Amino acid sequence: MRSWHWNSLRWVVGAIYVFMLGPIAITALVAFNGDNRSYFPPHGFSLRWWQAALGPQWTQPLLFSLELAVLTAAISALLGAPLAFAFQRYDFPGKSIVRAITLGPLILPSLVTGIALLQAMTLVGLGQLLGFWALLIGHVVICLPFVVRTVAISLQAMPGNLEPAAASLGAPPRAVLRHVTLPLAMPGLFAGMIFAFVHSFDDVNLSLFIARPGERPLTVAIMAFLEFGFAPTLAAVSILSLIVPLALVALFGRVIGIGNFLFAEQGHG
């Protein structure tokens, strides 16, 4: 009976993996079509679609997305870490309101955020900022909650006697912050930056409303290209856009240990 349960679980897990990874595998194979149509199984074999995916038409929005995602992750970290520390360690007037505003984008669809940002910038006469700067503002808004939450989790998981112990040994508050609090919060900070990078790099709902020609993320360029059909070039571009965040997450998991952060046992004060 127990063996039957384990075999059933293996089949269920296998089916879930096929459901998740099957479309990705099909898309990757379509990118090797010898024909100029998206056939599966592929008709022939060719690498010309990958060569086209690495051309200027696609490398420009790819580099634009990378620049935008890196800046979004960095700014989110600079703003999110102090906010998380304030939410976790201090009580101040309006704390619940500030927390709700900061974490609200986790609940609010980014589509709504994009429309609101577009209308707000137009009404106040900042329509000239549409493009990179509007995208950066919007992406920071929707990515900031990830950093706040992950840093807050790290601070909450920190044993409550560490900082008092360091202070009792004569360490001033700045030394405690620098040598005790920050090192223990770094895994959460890095995790938040990775989540912010991936969310910014893959966002399409918000970016559709505030991007402009010449300053479009890769996701918006893909959506625009879909008007002409799903060509093998688009399959190659889609796989490239998937490899970048996956490689970053794999690197983070290797160097920092994302599993150690996600599944670490919380400390008790």
Protein backbone atom coordinates (compact mmCIF):
# COMPACT_ATOMS: atom_id res chain seq x y z
CA MET A 1 0.00 0.00 0.00
CA ARG A 2 2.80 2.38 0.91
CA SER A 3 4.61 1.60 -2.35
CA TRP A 4 1.43 2.38 -4.28
CA HIS A 5 1.18 5.77 -2.56
CA TRP A 6 4.77 6.66 -3.42
CA ASN A 7 4.32 5.58 -7.05
CA SER A 8 1.15 7.68 -7.31
CA LEU A 9 3.01 10.67 -5.90
CA ARG A 10 5.81 10.20 -8.42
CA TRP A 11 3.29 10.14 -11.27
CA VAL A 12 1.59 13.29 -10.00
CA VAL A 13 4.91 15.12 -9.61
CA GLY A 14 5.99 13.93 -13.06
CA ALA A 15 2.73 15.18 -14.58
CA ILE A 16 3.21 18.58 -12.92
CA TYR A 17 6.73 18.85 -14.35
CA VAL A 18 5.49 17.89 -17.82
CA PHE A 19 2.72 20.49 -17.56
CA MET A 20 5.22 23.18 -16.50
CA LEU A 21 8.17 22.34 -18.73
CA GLY A 22 6.39 20.87 -21.77
CA PRO A 23 5.47 24.24 -23.36
CA ILE A 24 9.02 25.49 -22.83
CA ALA A 25 10.48 22.40 -24.51
CA ILE A 26 8.07 22.75 -27.44
CA THR A 27 8.98 26.43 -27.86
CA ALA A 28 12.68 25.60 -27.83
CA LEU A 29 12.23 22.94 -30.52
CA VAL A 30 10.13 25.26 -32.67
CA ALA A 31 13.08 27.69 -32.72
CA PHE A 32 15.08 25.11 -34.71
CA ASN A 33 12.57 24.85 -37.58
CA GLY A 34 14.04 24.79 -41.05
CA ASP A 35 10.85 26.34 -42.40
CA ASN A 36 9.72 29.91 -41.79
CA ARG A 37 6.58 28.68 -40.02
CA SER A 38 6.25 27.50 -36.43
CA TYR A 39 5.84 23.75 -36.81
CA PHE A 40 5.97 21.11 -34.11
CA PRO A 41 7.60 18.70 -34.58
CA PRO A 42 10.08 20.93 -36.44
CA HIS A 43 10.33 20.68 -40.21
CA GLY A 44 14.04 20.38 -40.84
CA PHE A 45 16.78 21.97 -38.76
CA SER A 46 18.17 25.50 -38.86
CA LEU A 47 19.97 27.95 -36.59
CA ARG A 48 18.98 31.04 -38.58
CA TRP A 49 16.20 31.94 -36.15
CA TRP A 50 18.66 32.05 -33.28
CA GLN A 51 20.91 34.25 -35.41
CA ALA A 52 17.94 36.55 -36.03
CA ALA A 53 17.15 36.59 -32.31
CA LEU A 54 20.64 37.92 -31.65
CA GLY A 55 20.24 40.72 -34.21
CA PRO A 56 19.79 44.42 -33.39
CA GLN A 57 15.99 44.15 -33.56
CA TRP A 58 16.02 42.02 -30.42
CA THR A 59 19.30 42.80 -28.67
CA GLN A 60 18.28 46.44 -28.20
CA PRO A 61 15.11 45.65 -26.19
CA LEU A 62 16.96 42.83 -24.41
CA LEU A 63 19.70 45.20 -23.23
CA PHE A 64 17.05 47.78 -22.36
CA SER A 65 15.23 45.21 -20.20
CA LEU A 66 18.48 44.18 -18.51
CA GLU A 67 19.38 47.79 -17.70
CA LEU A 68 15.89 48.48 -16.41
CA ALA A 69 15.79 45.32 -14.29
CA VAL A 70 19.24 45.92 -12.76
CA LEU A 71 18.38 49.51 -11.80
CA THR A 72 15.00 48.43 -10.47
CA ALA A 73 16.58 45.77 -8.28
CA ALA A 74 19.24 48.18 -6.98
CA ILE A 75 16.79 50.99 -6.18
CA SER A 76 14.33 48.55 -4.63
CA ALA A 77 17.11 47.28 -2.37
CA LEU A 78 18.15 50.80 -1.34
CA LEU A 79 14.57 51.73 -0.47
CA GLY A 80 13.29 48.37 0.70
CA ALA A 81 15.93 47.49 3.30
CA PRO A 82 15.38 50.63 5.46
CA LEU A 83 11.61 50.27 5.10
CA ALA A 84 11.72 46.64 6.21
CA PHE A 85 13.91 47.56 9.17
CA ALA A 86 11.52 50.35 10.17
CA PHE A 87 8.46 48.11 9.85
CA GLN A 88 10.07 45.31 11.82
CA ARG A 89 11.78 47.22 14.62
CA TYR A 90 9.88 50.47 15.21
CA ASP A 91 6.38 51.75 15.88
CA PHE A 92 5.58 55.17 14.43
CA PRO A 93 2.46 57.16 13.53
CA GLY A 94 0.92 55.98 10.28
CA LYS A 95 2.94 52.76 10.20
CA SER A 96 0.01 50.64 9.03
CA ILE A 97 -0.79 53.13 6.25
CA VAL A 98 2.80 53.28 5.01
CA ARG A 99 3.04 49.49 5.13
CA ALA A 100 -0.20 49.13 3.17
CA ILE A 101 0.97 51.59 0.51
CA THR A 102 4.35 49.88 0.24
CA LEU A 103 3.01 46.32 0.02
CA GLY A 104 -0.15 47.22 -1.90
CA PRO A 105 1.32 46.46 -5.36
CA LEU A 106 1.54 42.78 -4.32
CA ILE A 107 -2.27 42.74 -4.34
CA LEU A 108 -3.02 45.36 -6.96
CA PRO A 109 -2.63 44.07 -10.55
CA SER A 110 0.30 45.71 -12.33
CA LEU A 111 -2.08 46.48 -15.19
CA VAL A 112 -3.97 48.85 -12.88
CA THR A 113 -0.71 50.35 -11.63
CA GLY A 114 0.38 51.00 -15.21
CA ILE A 115 -2.87 52.73 -16.13
CA ALA A 116 -2.79 54.83 -12.95
CA LEU A 117 0.82 55.85 -13.52
CA LEU A 118 0.11 56.79 -17.14
CA GLN A 119 -2.86 58.96 -16.15
CA ALA A 120 -1.04 60.56 -13.22
CA MET A 121 2.01 61.52 -15.28
CA THR A 122 -0.19 62.89 -18.05
CA LEU A 123 -2.32 64.97 -15.66
CA VAL A 124 0.67 66.57 -13.91
CA GLY A 125 2.40 67.39 -17.19
CA LEU A 126 5.16 64.76 -17.00
CA GLY A 127 4.21 62.95 -20.16
CA GLN A 128 7.70 63.57 -21.52
CA LEU A 129 9.02 61.09 -18.94
CA LEU A 130 7.12 58.23 -20.54
CA GLY A 131 9.62 55.63 -21.60
CA PHE A 132 12.64 54.71 -19.50
CA TRP A 133 12.04 56.95 -16.49
CA ALA A 134 8.35 56.15 -16.22
CA LEU A 135 9.16 52.46 -16.57
CA LEU A 136 11.79 52.72 -13.85
CA ILE A 137 9.37 54.42 -11.47
CA GLY A 138 6.62 51.91 -12.21
CA HIS A 139 8.89 48.90 -11.88
CA VAL A 140 10.28 50.11 -8.57
CA VAL A 141 6.72 50.53 -7.29
CA ILE A 142 5.72 46.96 -8.17
CA CYS A 143 9.07 45.38 -7.20
CA LEU A 144 9.74 47.19 -3.91
CA PRO A 145 7.38 44.92 -1.91
CA PHE A 146 9.50 41.87 -2.73
CA VAL A 147 12.58 43.38 -1.10
CA VAL A 148 10.60 44.65 1.89
CA ARG A 149 9.07 41.24 2.52
CA THR A 150 12.26 39.19 2.13
CA VAL A 151 14.34 41.53 4.30
CA ALA A 152 11.57 41.54 6.91
CA ILE A 153 11.61 37.73 6.91
CA SER A 154 15.36 37.74 7.49
CA LEU A 155 15.02 40.20 10.37
CA GLN A 156 12.17 38.22 11.87
CA ALA A 157 14.16 34.98 11.63
CA MET A 158 17.11 36.54 13.43
CA PRO A 159 17.57 35.21 17.00
CA GLY A 160 16.37 37.92 19.34
CA ASN A 161 19.35 37.72 21.69
CA LEU A 162 22.09 38.41 19.15
CA GLU A 163 21.87 42.18 19.01
CA PRO A 164 21.46 42.63 22.80
CA ALA A 165 24.41 40.29 23.32
CA ALA A 166 26.60 42.35 20.98
CA ALA A 167 25.49 45.56 22.69
CA SER A 168 26.19 44.08 26.14
CA LEU A 169 29.76 43.37 25.02
CA GLY A 170 30.31 47.06 24.33
CA ALA A 171 29.48 47.29 20.62
CA PRO A 172 27.94 50.66 19.71
CA PRO A 173 24.64 50.65 17.73
CA ARG A 174 26.41 51.28 14.42
CA ALA A 175 28.76 48.34 15.00
CA VAL A 176 25.84 46.08 15.89
CA LEU A 177 24.05 47.12 12.72
CA ARG A 178 27.13 46.67 10.55
CA HIS A 179 28.57 43.46 11.96
CA VAL A 180 25.48 41.62 13.25
CA THR A 181 22.21 42.82 11.73
CA LEU A 182 23.23 43.52 8.14
CA PRO A 183 25.18 40.26 7.55
CA LEU A 184 22.22 38.22 8.80
CA ALA A 185 19.78 40.22 6.66
CA MET A 186 21.86 39.94 3.47
CA PRO A 187 20.33 36.65 2.23
CA GLY A 188 16.89 38.23 2.40
CA LEU A 189 18.15 41.37 0.68
CA PHE A 190 19.73 39.37 -2.16
CA ALA A 191 16.60 37.24 -2.50
CA GLY A 192 14.47 40.38 -2.76
CA MET A 193 16.78 41.82 -5.39
CA ILE A 194 16.55 38.63 -7.44
CA PHE A 195 12.76 38.60 -7.20
CA ALA A 196 12.68 42.30 -8.15
CA PHE A 197 14.99 41.71 -11.12
CA VAL A 198 12.95 38.79 -12.44
CA HIS A 199 9.64 40.57 -11.92
CA SER A 200 10.91 43.68 -13.68
CA PHE A 201 12.49 41.71 -16.52
CA ASP A 202 9.32 39.70 -17.16
CA ASP A 203 6.75 42.46 -16.64
CA VAL A 204 4.49 43.21 -19.56
CA ASN A 205 1.21 44.53 -18.09
CA LEU A 206 2.61 47.75 -16.65
CA SER A 207 5.19 48.26 -19.39
CA LEU A 208 2.60 48.17 -22.16
CA PHE A 209 1.12 51.48 -21.00
CA ILE A 210 4.22 53.57 -20.29
CA ALA A 211 6.75 52.33 -22.85
CA ARG A 212 7.35 54.24 -26.05
CA PRO A 213 9.05 53.46 -29.38
CA GLY A 214 12.80 53.11 -28.95
CA GLU A 215 12.41 52.53 -25.20
CA ARG A 216 10.55 49.25 -25.01
CA PRO A 217 11.39 46.27 -22.81
CA LEU A 218 11.78 42.89 -24.45
CA THR A 219 8.35 41.74 -23.28
CA VAL A 220 6.63 44.65 -25.01
CA ALA A 221 8.64 44.02 -28.20
CA ILE A 222 7.50 40.39 -28.11
CA MET A 223 3.87 41.44 -27.69
CA ALA A 224 4.16 43.83 -30.64
CA PHE A 225 5.73 41.11 -32.80
CA LEU A 226 2.85 38.75 -32.01
CA GLU A 227 0.64 40.88 -34.24
CA PHE A 228 2.41 39.22 -37.19
CA GLY A 229 2.04 35.69 -35.83
CA PHE A 230 4.24 33.35 -33.84
CA ALA A 231 7.32 32.96 -36.03
CA PRO A 232 10.29 30.71 -35.13
CA THR A 233 12.29 33.88 -34.41
CA LEU A 234 9.90 34.68 -31.61
CA ALA A 235 10.38 31.20 -30.17
CA ALA A 236 14.14 31.76 -30.04
CA VAL A 237 13.68 35.19 -28.44
CA SER A 238 11.31 33.72 -25.86
CA ILE A 239 13.86 31.08 -24.86
CA LEU A 240 16.58 33.73 -24.56
CA SER A 241 14.31 35.84 -22.35
CA LEU A 242 13.78 32.77 -20.17
CA ILE A 243 17.46 31.86 -19.90
CA VAL A 244 18.51 35.22 -18.43
CA PRO A 245 16.41 35.12 -15.21
CA LEU A 246 16.94 31.37 -14.83
CA ALA A 247 20.70 31.81 -14.99
CA LEU A 248 20.53 34.58 -12.42
CA VAL A 249 18.40 32.51 -10.05
CA ALA A 250 20.74 29.53 -10.50
CA LEU A 251 23.75 31.73 -9.74
CA PHE A 252 22.03 33.13 -6.65
CA GLY A 253 21.12 29.64 -5.50
CA ARG A 254 24.70 28.51 -5.97
CA VAL A 255 26.42 31.46 -4.28
CA ILE A 256 23.92 32.52 -1.62
CA GLY A 257 21.65 29.51 -1.30
CA ILE A 258 18.10 30.55 -2.05
CA GLY A 259 16.82 27.34 -0.48
CA ASN A 260 18.57 28.19 2.77
CA PHE A 261 16.73 31.50 2.84
CA LEU A 262 13.32 30.21 1.81
CA PHE A 263 13.26 27.22 4.14
CA ALA A 264 15.43 28.39 7.04
CA GLU A 265 13.93 27.87 10.43
CA GLN A 266 12.93 31.11 12.07
CA GLY A 267 14.70 32.14 15.21
CA HIS A 268 12.87 32.81 18.43
CA GLY A 269 13.34 35.85 20.57
